[in-house]
Amino acid sequence: STIALFVESLKKGNALAVGNRFSEKIKKGVMPWHH
């Protein structure tokens, strides 16, 4: 559902748009702690 946000970022002039999983709190156990 966030695909539109990436396309919007490119349409605004960015050549590359990268997701940020750390922008919101990651639930415990979803990502290995050392990652």
PDB file of all heavy atoms in Angstrom:
ATOM      1  N   SER A   1       0.818  -1.221   0.000  1.00  0.00           N
ATOM      2  CA  SER A   1       0.000   0.000   0.000  1.00  0.00           C
ATOM      3  C   SER A   1       0.850   1.269   0.000  1.00  0.00           C
ATOM      4  O   SER A   1       0.340   2.360  -0.278  1.00  0.00           O
ATOM      5  CB  SER A   1      -0.942   0.010   1.208  1.00  0.00           C
ATOM      6  OG  SER A   1      -0.206   0.119   2.419  1.00  0.00           O
ATOM      7  N   THR A   2       2.149   1.136   0.306  1.00  0.00           N
ATOM      8  CA  THR A   2       3.039   2.309   0.311  1.00  0.00           C
ATOM      9  C   THR A   2       3.698   2.544  -1.052  1.00  0.00           C
ATOM     10  O   THR A   2       4.513   3.458  -1.185  1.00  0.00           O
ATOM     11  CB  THR A   2       4.132   2.153   1.382  1.00  0.00           C
ATOM     12  OG1 THR A   2       4.860   0.941   1.139  1.00  0.00           O
ATOM     13  CG2 THR A   2       3.533   2.097   2.776  1.00  0.00           C
ATOM     14  N   ILE A   3       3.351   1.735  -2.051  1.00  0.00           N
ATOM     15  CA  ILE A   3       3.951   1.897  -3.382  1.00  0.00           C
ATOM     16  C   ILE A   3       3.752   3.313  -3.902  1.00  0.00           C
ATOM     17  O   ILE A   3       4.673   3.919  -4.480  1.00  0.00           O
ATOM     18  CB  ILE A   3       3.357   0.866  -4.368  1.00  0.00           C
ATOM     19  CG1 ILE A   3       3.884  -0.531  -4.039  1.00  0.00           C
ATOM     20  CG2 ILE A   3       3.687   1.241  -5.820  1.00  0.00           C
ATOM     21  CD1 ILE A   3       3.278  -1.638  -4.884  1.00  0.00           C
ATOM     22  N   ALA A   4       2.561   3.860  -3.679  1.00  0.00           N
ATOM     23  CA  ALA A   4       2.262   5.210  -4.175  1.00  0.00           C
ATOM     24  C   ALA A   4       3.209   6.253  -3.584  1.00  0.00           C
ATOM     25  O   ALA A   4       3.559   7.240  -4.250  1.00  0.00           O
ATOM     26  CB  ALA A   4       0.820   5.581  -3.856  1.00  0.00           C
ATOM     27  N   LEU A   5       3.655   6.038  -2.336  1.00  0.00           N
ATOM     28  CA  LEU A   5       4.572   6.986  -1.694  1.00  0.00           C
ATOM     29  C   LEU A   5       5.931   6.995  -2.392  1.00  0.00           C
ATOM     30  O   LEU A   5       6.562   8.042  -2.537  1.00  0.00           O
ATOM     31  CB  LEU A   5       4.749   6.641  -0.213  1.00  0.00           C
ATOM     32  CG  LEU A   5       3.490   6.706   0.667  1.00  0.00           C
ATOM     33  CD1 LEU A   5       3.808   6.266   2.091  1.00  0.00           C
ATOM     34  CD2 LEU A   5       2.920   8.123   0.666  1.00  0.00           C
ATOM     35  N   PHE A   6       6.365   5.824  -2.826  1.00  0.00           N
ATOM     36  CA  PHE A   6       7.653   5.734  -3.531  1.00  0.00           C
ATOM     37  C   PHE A   6       7.555   6.394  -4.905  1.00  0.00           C
ATOM     38  O   PHE A   6       8.470   7.130  -5.318  1.00  0.00           O
ATOM     39  CB  PHE A   6       8.061   4.264  -3.687  1.00  0.00           C
ATOM     40  CG  PHE A   6       8.549   3.636  -2.422  1.00  0.00           C
ATOM     41  CD1 PHE A   6       7.649   3.068  -1.529  1.00  0.00           C
ATOM     42  CD2 PHE A   6       9.887   3.621  -2.105  1.00  0.00           C
ATOM     43  CE1 PHE A   6       8.084   2.474  -0.352  1.00  0.00           C
ATOM     44  CE2 PHE A   6      10.351   3.041  -0.939  1.00  0.00           C
ATOM     45  CZ  PHE A   6       9.437   2.464  -0.042  1.00  0.00           C
ATOM     46  N   VAL A   7       6.470   6.135  -5.611  1.00  0.00           N
ATOM     47  CA  VAL A   7       6.288   6.753  -6.933  1.00  0.00           C
ATOM     48  C   VAL A   7       6.184   8.269  -6.798  1.00  0.00           C
ATOM     49  O   VAL A   7       6.746   9.025  -7.604  1.00  0.00           O
ATOM     50  CB  VAL A   7       5.036   6.181  -7.620  1.00  0.00           C
ATOM     51  CG1 VAL A   7       4.768   6.899  -8.939  1.00  0.00           C
ATOM     52  CG2 VAL A   7       5.189   4.681  -7.848  1.00  0.00           C
ATOM     53  N   GLU A   8       5.490   8.713  -5.775  1.00  0.00           N
ATOM     54  CA  GLU A   8       5.360  10.157  -5.529  1.00  0.00           C
ATOM     55  C   GLU A   8       6.728  10.789  -5.275  1.00  0.00           C
ATOM     56  O   GLU A   8       7.019  11.888  -5.761  1.00  0.00           O
ATOM     57  CB  GLU A   8       4.451  10.387  -4.322  1.00  0.00           C
ATOM     58  CG  GLU A   8       4.218  11.864  -4.002  1.00  0.00           C
ATOM     59  CD  GLU A   8       3.370  12.060  -2.758  1.00  0.00           C
ATOM     60  OE1 GLU A   8       2.870  11.064  -2.201  1.00  0.00           O
ATOM     61  OE2 GLU A   8       3.221  13.225  -2.332  1.00  0.00           O
ATOM     62  N   SER A   9       7.586  10.082  -4.531  1.00  0.00           N
ATOM     63  CA  SER A   9       8.933  10.585  -4.263  1.00  0.00           C
ATOM     64  C   SER A   9       9.729  10.745  -5.550  1.00  0.00           C
ATOM     65  O   SER A   9      10.442  11.740  -5.737  1.00  0.00           O
ATOM     66  CB  SER A   9       9.665   9.631  -3.315  1.00  0.00           C
ATOM     67  OG  SER A   9      10.992  10.060  -3.077  1.00  0.00           O
ATOM     68  N   LEU A  10       9.602   9.776  -6.452  1.00  0.00           N
ATOM     69  CA  LEU A  10      10.305   9.867  -7.744  1.00  0.00           C
ATOM     70  C   LEU A  10       9.740  10.988  -8.606  1.00  0.00           C
ATOM     71  O   LEU A  10      10.482  11.701  -9.284  1.00  0.00           O
ATOM     72  CB  LEU A  10      10.222   8.536  -8.484  1.00  0.00           C
ATOM     73  CG  LEU A  10      10.875   7.320  -7.806  1.00  0.00           C
ATOM     74  CD1 LEU A  10      10.756   6.097  -8.711  1.00  0.00           C
ATOM     75  CD2 LEU A  10      12.335   7.588  -7.472  1.00  0.00           C
ATOM     76  N   LYS A  11       8.422  11.149  -8.582  1.00  0.00           N
ATOM     77  CA  LYS A  11       7.797  12.199  -9.382  1.00  0.00           C
ATOM     78  C   LYS A  11       8.175  13.594  -8.879  1.00  0.00           C
ATOM     79  O   LYS A  11       8.120  14.565  -9.641  1.00  0.00           O
ATOM     80  CB  LYS A  11       6.280  12.023  -9.376  1.00  0.00           C
ATOM     81  CG  LYS A  11       5.791  10.853 -10.217  1.00  0.00           C
ATOM     82  CD  LYS A  11       4.275  10.769 -10.251  1.00  0.00           C
ATOM     83  CE  LYS A  11       3.801   9.656 -11.177  1.00  0.00           C
ATOM     84  NZ  LYS A  11       2.317   9.551 -11.233  1.00  0.00           N
ATOM     85  N   LYS A  12       8.554  13.679  -7.611  1.00  0.00           N
ATOM     86  CA  LYS A  12       8.973  14.967  -7.055  1.00  0.00           C
ATOM     87  C   LYS A  12      10.411  15.330  -7.438  1.00  0.00           C
ATOM     88  O   LYS A  12      10.887  16.414  -7.117  1.00  0.00           O
ATOM     89  CB  LYS A  12       8.841  14.942  -5.528  1.00  0.00           C
ATOM     90  CG  LYS A  12       7.404  15.038  -5.030  1.00  0.00           C
ATOM     91  CD  LYS A  12       7.370  15.053  -3.501  1.00  0.00           C
ATOM     92  CE  LYS A  12       5.948  15.216  -2.987  1.00  0.00           C
ATOM     93  NZ  LYS A  12       5.907  15.211  -1.489  1.00  0.00           N
ATOM     94  N   GLY A  13      11.099  14.403  -8.107  1.00  0.00           N
ATOM     95  CA  GLY A  13      12.443  14.720  -8.579  1.00  0.00           C
ATOM     96  C   GLY A  13      13.538  13.807  -8.084  1.00  0.00           C
ATOM     97  O   GLY A  13      14.687  13.923  -8.531  1.00  0.00           O
ATOM     98  N   ASN A  14      13.236  12.906  -7.157  1.00  0.00           N
ATOM     99  CA  ASN A  14      14.253  11.973  -6.690  1.00  0.00           C
ATOM    100  C   ASN A  14      14.502  10.898  -7.734  1.00  0.00           C
ATOM    101  O   ASN A  14      13.569  10.412  -8.376  1.00  0.00           O
ATOM    102  CB  ASN A  14      13.830  11.331  -5.365  1.00  0.00           C
ATOM    103  CG  ASN A  14      13.882  12.315  -4.209  1.00  0.00           C
ATOM    104  OD1 ASN A  14      14.855  13.046  -4.054  1.00  0.00           O
ATOM    105  ND2 ASN A  14      12.834  12.339  -3.399  1.00  0.00           N
ATOM    106  N   ALA A  15      15.765  10.518  -7.893  1.00  0.00           N
ATOM    107  CA  ALA A  15      16.106   9.439  -8.827  1.00  0.00           C
ATOM    108  C   ALA A  15      15.960   8.083  -8.158  1.00  0.00           C
ATOM    109  O   ALA A  15      15.717   7.075  -8.816  1.00  0.00           O
ATOM    110  CB  ALA A  15      17.534   9.619  -9.325  1.00  0.00           C
ATOM    111  N   LEU A  16      16.112   8.074  -6.839  1.00  0.00           N
ATOM    112  CA  LEU A  16      16.029   6.842  -6.058  1.00  0.00           C
ATOM    113  C   LEU A  16      15.261   7.137  -4.778  1.00  0.00           C
ATOM    114  O   LEU A  16      15.488   8.175  -4.137  1.00  0.00           O
ATOM    115  CB  LEU A  16      17.439   6.334  -5.732  1.00  0.00           C
ATOM    116  CG  LEU A  16      17.577   5.136  -4.795  1.00  0.00           C
ATOM    117  CD1 LEU A  16      16.975   3.882  -5.438  1.00  0.00           C
ATOM    118  CD2 LEU A  16      19.048   4.897  -4.454  1.00  0.00           C
ATOM    119  N   ALA A  17      14.356   6.263  -4.409  1.00  0.00           N
ATOM    120  CA  ALA A  17      13.599   6.394  -3.156  1.00  0.00           C
ATOM    121  C   ALA A  17      13.774   5.099  -2.367  1.00  0.00           C
ATOM    122  O   ALA A  17      13.499   4.013  -2.882  1.00  0.00           O
ATOM    123  CB  ALA A  17      12.117   6.644  -3.435  1.00  0.00           C
ATOM    124  N   VAL A  18      14.267   5.224  -1.132  1.00  0.00           N
ATOM    125  CA  VAL A  18      14.570   4.060  -0.303  1.00  0.00           C
ATOM    126  C   VAL A  18      13.675   4.062   0.926  1.00  0.00           C
ATOM    127  O   VAL A  18      13.502   5.096   1.579  1.00  0.00           O
ATOM    128  CB  VAL A  18      16.057   4.063   0.131  1.00  0.00           C
ATOM    129  CG1 VAL A  18      16.380   2.818   0.950  1.00  0.00           C
ATOM    130  CG2 VAL A  18      16.967   4.160  -1.080  1.00  0.00           C
ATOM    131  N   GLY A  19      13.105   2.910   1.251  1.00  0.00           N
ATOM    132  CA  GLY A  19      12.260   2.806   2.430  1.00  0.00           C
ATOM    133  C   GLY A  19      13.057   2.909   3.716  1.00  0.00           C
ATOM    134  O   GLY A  19      14.235   2.554   3.759  1.00  0.00           O
ATOM    135  N   ASN A  20      12.414   3.399   4.751  1.00  0.00           N
ATOM    136  CA  ASN A  20      13.038   3.481   6.076  1.00  0.00           C
ATOM    137  C   ASN A  20      12.169   2.731   7.080  1.00  0.00           C
ATOM    138  O   ASN A  20      11.136   3.218   7.523  1.00  0.00           O
ATOM    139  CB  ASN A  20      13.215   4.940   6.502  1.00  0.00           C
ATOM    140  CG  ASN A  20      13.867   5.061   7.876  1.00  0.00           C
ATOM    141  OD1 ASN A  20      14.346   4.076   8.442  1.00  0.00           O
ATOM    142  ND2 ASN A  20      13.887   6.269   8.419  1.00  0.00           N
ATOM    143  N   ARG A  21      12.605   1.518   7.444  1.00  0.00           N
ATOM    144  CA  ARG A  21      11.847   0.694   8.370  1.00  0.00           C
ATOM    145  C   ARG A  21      11.948   1.188   9.811  1.00  0.00           C
ATOM    146  O   ARG A  21      11.182   0.770  10.666  1.00  0.00           O
ATOM    147  CB  ARG A  21      12.346  -0.756   8.300  1.00  0.00           C
ATOM    148  CG  ARG A  21      12.098  -1.420   6.955  1.00  0.00           C
ATOM    149  CD  ARG A  21      12.869  -2.719   6.829  1.00  0.00           C
ATOM    150  NE  ARG A  21      14.301  -2.482   6.740  1.00  0.00           N
ATOM    151  CZ  ARG A  21      15.213  -3.452   6.621  1.00  0.00           C
ATOM    152  NH1 ARG A  21      14.821  -4.724   6.575  1.00  0.00           N
ATOM    153  NH2 ARG A  21      16.494  -3.158   6.534  1.00  0.00           N
ATOM    154  N   PHE A  22      12.916   2.079  10.059  1.00  0.00           N
ATOM    155  CA  PHE A  22      13.143   2.570  11.417  1.00  0.00           C
ATOM    156  C   PHE A  22      12.368   3.857  11.706  1.00  0.00           C
ATOM    157  O   PHE A  22      12.510   4.435  12.777  1.00  0.00           O
ATOM    158  CB  PHE A  22      14.637   2.799  11.649  1.00  0.00           C
ATOM    159  CG  PHE A  22      15.453   1.547  11.496  1.00  0.00           C
ATOM    160  CD1 PHE A  22      16.132   1.277  10.315  1.00  0.00           C
ATOM    161  CD2 PHE A  22      15.533   0.620  12.522  1.00  0.00           C
ATOM    162  CE1 PHE A  22      16.883   0.121  10.167  1.00  0.00           C
ATOM    163  CE2 PHE A  22      16.275  -0.543  12.382  1.00  0.00           C
ATOM    164  CZ  PHE A  22      16.956  -0.792  11.200  1.00  0.00           C
ATOM    165  N   SER A  23      11.588   4.297  10.735  1.00  0.00           N
ATOM    166  CA  SER A  23      10.795   5.516  10.948  1.00  0.00           C
ATOM    167  C   SER A  23       9.689   5.269  11.968  1.00  0.00           C
ATOM    168  O   SER A  23       9.194   6.183  12.612  1.00  0.00           O
ATOM    169  CB  SER A  23      10.192   5.997   9.625  1.00  0.00           C
ATOM    170  OG  SER A  23       9.389   4.971   9.049  1.00  0.00           O
ATOM    171  N   GLU A  24       9.267   4.013  12.090  1.00  0.00           N
ATOM    172  CA  GLU A  24       8.302   3.609  13.104  1.00  0.00           C
ATOM    173  C   GLU A  24       8.926   2.509  13.957  1.00  0.00           C
ATOM    174  O   GLU A  24       9.834   1.809  13.514  1.00  0.00           O
ATOM    175  CB  GLU A  24       7.013   3.096  12.456  1.00  0.00           C
ATOM    176  CG  GLU A  24       6.269   4.142  11.638  1.00  0.00           C
ATOM    177  CD  GLU A  24       4.954   3.608  11.089  1.00  0.00           C
ATOM    178  OE1 GLU A  24       4.478   2.582  11.629  1.00  0.00           O
ATOM    179  OE2 GLU A  24       4.434   4.201  10.138  1.00  0.00           O
ATOM    180  N   LYS A  25       8.443   2.364  15.172  1.00  0.00           N
ATOM    181  CA  LYS A  25       8.998   1.354  16.065  1.00  0.00           C
ATOM    182  C   LYS A  25       8.750  -0.033  15.494  1.00  0.00           C
ATOM    183  O   LYS A  25       7.622  -0.404  15.171  1.00  0.00           O
ATOM    184  CB  LYS A  25       8.369   1.467  17.457  1.00  0.00           C
ATOM    185  CG  LYS A  25       9.004   0.534  18.480  1.00  0.00           C
ATOM    186  CD  LYS A  25       8.419   0.732  19.870  1.00  0.00           C
ATOM    187  CE  LYS A  25       9.086  -0.199  20.880  1.00  0.00           C
ATOM    188  NZ  LYS A  25       8.531  -0.023  22.242  1.00  0.00           N
ATOM    189  N   ILE A  26       9.816  -0.801  15.368  1.00  0.00           N
ATOM    190  CA  ILE A  26       9.711  -2.163  14.849  1.00  0.00           C
ATOM    191  C   ILE A  26       9.297  -3.085  15.994  1.00  0.00           C
ATOM    192  O   ILE A  26       9.897  -3.070  17.070  1.00  0.00           O
ATOM    193  CB  ILE A  26      11.050  -2.621  14.240  1.00  0.00           C
ATOM    194  CG1 ILE A  26      11.420  -1.721  13.054  1.00  0.00           C
ATOM    195  CG2 ILE A  26      10.983  -4.075  13.803  1.00  0.00           C
ATOM    196  CD1 ILE A  26      12.777  -2.023  12.452  1.00  0.00           C
ATOM    197  N   LYS A  27       8.283  -3.881  15.736  1.00  0.00           N
ATOM    198  CA  LYS A  27       7.788  -4.779  16.774  1.00  0.00           C
ATOM    199  C   LYS A  27       8.853  -5.804  17.156  1.00  0.00           C
ATOM    200  O   LYS A  27       9.655  -6.234  16.323  1.00  0.00           O
ATOM    201  CB  LYS A  27       6.524  -5.488  16.293  1.00  0.00           C
ATOM    202  CG  LYS A  27       5.333  -4.563  16.107  1.00  0.00           C
ATOM    203  CD  LYS A  27       4.104  -5.337  15.642  1.00  0.00           C
ATOM    204  CE  LYS A  27       2.910  -4.403  15.437  1.00  0.00           C
ATOM    205  NZ  LYS A  27       1.713  -5.142  14.964  1.00  0.00           N
ATOM    206  N   LYS A  28       8.853  -6.182  18.403  1.00  0.00           N
ATOM    207  CA  LYS A  28       9.840  -7.117  18.933  1.00  0.00           C
ATOM    208  C   LYS A  28       9.781  -8.442  18.175  1.00  0.00           C
ATOM    209  O   LYS A  28       8.715  -9.016  17.963  1.00  0.00           O
ATOM    210  CB  LYS A  28       9.584  -7.351  20.419  1.00  0.00           C
ATOM    211  CG  LYS A  28      10.674  -8.182  21.097  1.00  0.00           C
ATOM    212  CD  LYS A  28      10.427  -8.301  22.585  1.00  0.00           C
ATOM    213  CE  LYS A  28      11.522  -9.113  23.258  1.00  0.00           C
ATOM    214  NZ  LYS A  28      11.283  -9.244  24.736  1.00  0.00           N
ATOM    215  N   GLY A  29      10.948  -8.915  17.753  1.00  0.00           N
ATOM    216  CA  GLY A  29      11.045 -10.194  17.072  1.00  0.00           C
ATOM    217  C   GLY A  29      10.867 -10.143  15.574  1.00  0.00           C
ATOM    218  O   GLY A  29      11.136 -11.135  14.884  1.00  0.00           O
ATOM    219  N   VAL A  30      10.422  -9.004  15.041  1.00  0.00           N
ATOM    220  CA  VAL A  30      10.210  -8.885  13.598  1.00  0.00           C
ATOM    221  C   VAL A  30      11.546  -8.849  12.846  1.00  0.00           C
ATOM    222  O   VAL A  30      11.699  -9.450  11.787  1.00  0.00           O
ATOM    223  CB  VAL A  30       9.369  -7.630  13.273  1.00  0.00           C
ATOM    224  CG1 VAL A  30       9.334  -7.374  11.770  1.00  0.00           C
ATOM    225  CG2 VAL A  30       7.948  -7.801  13.810  1.00  0.00           C
ATOM    226  N   MET A  31      12.526  -8.149  13.418  1.00  0.00           N
ATOM    227  CA  MET A  31      13.857  -8.067  12.826  1.00  0.00           C
ATOM    228  C   MET A  31      14.872  -8.607  13.833  1.00  0.00           C
ATOM    229  O   MET A  31      14.788  -8.277  15.015  1.00  0.00           O
ATOM    230  CB  MET A  31      14.204  -6.609  12.466  1.00  0.00           C
ATOM    231  CG  MET A  31      15.568  -6.445  11.795  1.00  0.00           C
ATOM    232  SD  MET A  31      16.004  -4.698  11.473  1.00  0.00           S
ATOM    233  CE  MET A  31      14.821  -4.282  10.197  1.00  0.00           C
ATOM    234  N   PRO A  32      15.821  -9.462  13.410  1.00  0.00           N
ATOM    235  CA  PRO A  32      16.847  -9.949  14.330  1.00  0.00           C
ATOM    236  C   PRO A  32      17.551  -8.787  15.027  1.00  0.00           C
ATOM    237  O   PRO A  32      17.853  -7.770  14.395  1.00  0.00           O
ATOM    238  CB  PRO A  32      17.813 -10.716  13.416  1.00  0.00           C
ATOM    239  CG  PRO A  32      16.974 -11.130  12.256  1.00  0.00           C
ATOM    240  CD  PRO A  32      15.982 -10.014  12.051  1.00  0.00           C
ATOM    241  N   TRP A  33      17.810  -8.948  16.323  1.00  0.00           N
ATOM    242  CA  TRP A  33      18.354  -7.831  17.109  1.00  0.00           C
ATOM    243  C   TRP A  33      19.685  -7.329  16.572  1.00  0.00           C
ATOM    244  O   TRP A  33      19.964  -6.121  16.586  1.00  0.00           O
ATOM    245  CB  TRP A  33      18.509  -8.251  18.577  1.00  0.00           C
ATOM    246  CG  TRP A  33      19.580  -9.287  18.808  1.00  0.00           C
ATOM    247  CD1 TRP A  33      19.444 -10.642  18.803  1.00  0.00           C
ATOM    248  CD2 TRP A  33      20.980  -9.032  19.043  1.00  0.00           C
ATOM    249  NE1 TRP A  33      20.645 -11.263  19.021  1.00  0.00           N
ATOM    250  CE2 TRP A  33      21.611 -10.300  19.183  1.00  0.00           C
ATOM    251  CE3 TRP A  33      21.738  -7.881  19.158  1.00  0.00           C
ATOM    252  CZ2 TRP A  33      22.972 -10.437  19.432  1.00  0.00           C
ATOM    253  CZ3 TRP A  33      23.106  -8.005  19.398  1.00  0.00           C
ATOM    254  CH2 TRP A  33      23.707  -9.267  19.541  1.00  0.00           C
ATOM    255  N   HIS A  34      20.550  -8.242  16.063  1.00  0.00           N
ATOM    256  CA  HIS A  34      21.856  -7.796  15.573  1.00  0.00           C
ATOM    257  C   HIS A  34      21.730  -7.057  14.245  1.00  0.00           C
ATOM    258  O   HIS A  34      22.627  -6.300  13.865  1.00  0.00           O
ATOM    259  CB  HIS A  34      22.836  -8.963  15.448  1.00  0.00           C
ATOM    260  CG  HIS A  34      22.338 -10.133  14.665  1.00  0.00           C
ATOM    261  ND1 HIS A  34      21.356 -10.979  15.112  1.00  0.00           N
ATOM    262  CD2 HIS A  34      22.695 -10.599  13.446  1.00  0.00           C
ATOM    263  CE1 HIS A  34      21.127 -11.916  14.212  1.00  0.00           C
ATOM    264  NE2 HIS A  34      21.909 -11.708  13.187  1.00  0.00           N
ATOM    265  N   HIS A  35      20.636  -7.259  13.511  1.00  0.00           N
ATOM    266  CA  HIS A  35      20.371  -6.458  12.312  1.00  0.00           C
ATOM    267  C   HIS A  35      19.818  -5.084  12.720  1.00  0.00           C
ATOM    268  O   HIS A  35      20.218  -4.054  12.166  1.00  0.00           O
ATOM    269  CB  HIS A  35      19.348  -7.145  11.408  1.00  0.00           C
ATOM    270  CG  HIS A  35      19.839  -8.427  10.826  1.00  0.00           C
ATOM    271  ND1 HIS A  35      19.045  -9.223  10.013  1.00  0.00           N
ATOM    272  CD2 HIS A  35      21.024  -9.062  10.924  1.00  0.00           C
ATOM    273  CE1 HIS A  35      19.733 -10.293   9.645  1.00  0.00           C
ATOM    274  NE2 HIS A  35      20.921 -10.224  10.195  1.00  0.00           N
TER     275      HIS A  35
END
